[in-house]
Amino acid sequence: MLAALDTVTPSRETALTPDLTIVISRAAPYRITADGQTVEAHSGATAVGQVLADNGIAMGPLDYARPPLDATIAPGDAIEVVRVTERIDTEDVVIGFETVYEPAADMEIDTILEASAGSPGVLQRRTRVRLENGVEVSRAPDGEVVTVYPQNHVIRYGTQIVMRTIDTPEGPAEYWRKVTMRVTSYTAATSGKALGDPGYGITASGVQAGFGVVAEAMESGADAVILTFSDGRQVALPSSLAEVLRASAREVADGHGLTVLPSDATLTPAEAAELLGLSRPFVARLLDDGEIPSERLPGSRHRRVRLADVLEFAERRDRRREGRRRIAEAVADAGLPY
């Protein structure tokens, strides 16, 4: 009996004639494992790819076989078909937003306005995952894209000088800034210096105590800064925060860039290098040596550094520099070689 894959020479459709020689080539047995099953198969071919085709086993674009499809095999050999699939995994990473201060010529000095609340962005990282017979065998970065761009937190601060007039016992007086103060009586006799002392009656500002002169307690934060929201609400800022805003405004007015980050923010090694004023390779070496703690992102070779750890390293570095400076000064004062 002929099997389906046995071959006959001449072909089976050839008419029989006297003295006709018929040659039957039996299909060789093979063992094929594919799609979780192992079957006994037959084929008259000796190439792996043809054996699989004879038995109706199709190969996907990423699939491969052991032995390879172009390999020659012998009867009884085993063939394994490896099904390969790929998927893309995504990870969303939050992109922090910055707080920026913008001078506003249309707003009166000492007023600030929140122009934009700010919102974080989203960075989508893609990872290509390869599976063989349903089992993950590798992961590789497949690019990243910003799906949502961060919106800066924008605070506008007034720069407009508005002159006003106030009536005083001495007549009208012009002013452009007013501050709220709590004062007590202050005379030369209560200034803390005895009569005859060179500093008698002289305030900390160097001005002689007298009518219209007040001594400001800096720690109390005499100058009031009012935050005006877009809905009209007003909040008086603490003196410490007000001083931060003033210092920030001065930096911006001088043309300097300004970035405000929370202490738990994370930086890239490049950003840490820029903050410390060091080269990127040197900072990478500090991370490798553990001088600055860092952590790798899941499934990635990229690292992140906490801002707090970078600042702590900078403080340690400054202390070491100060220590070396003092040692050098002590050695120089003692006349010792250094």
Foldseek 3Di string as FASTA:
>chain_A
DADPAKAKPPHPPDDDDPPDDIDIHHWFWEWEADLNDIDIATHNAFFQLVRCVVVPHDADPPKAKVVGRGDGHDGHYYMYIKHKDKDKDKDKDKAAAWEDEAEDAVDAALAKEFPDQKDIWIKIWIKMWMDISRHTDDIDTDDIDTPGHIDHGYMYGYDHFDWDWDQDPVGIDIDRDDWADDADDDAQVPQPDDPPPPCRQAAPVRDRDDPPDTHDDVVQQGGWHWYAYPVGDIDTDHSVVVVVVVVSVVCVVVVHDDTDDDQFDKDFLVVLCVVLVHDSVVSVVCCVVVVFDWDDDPPDPTIIGGNNSSVVSSVVVVVVVVVVVVVVVVCVVVVHDD
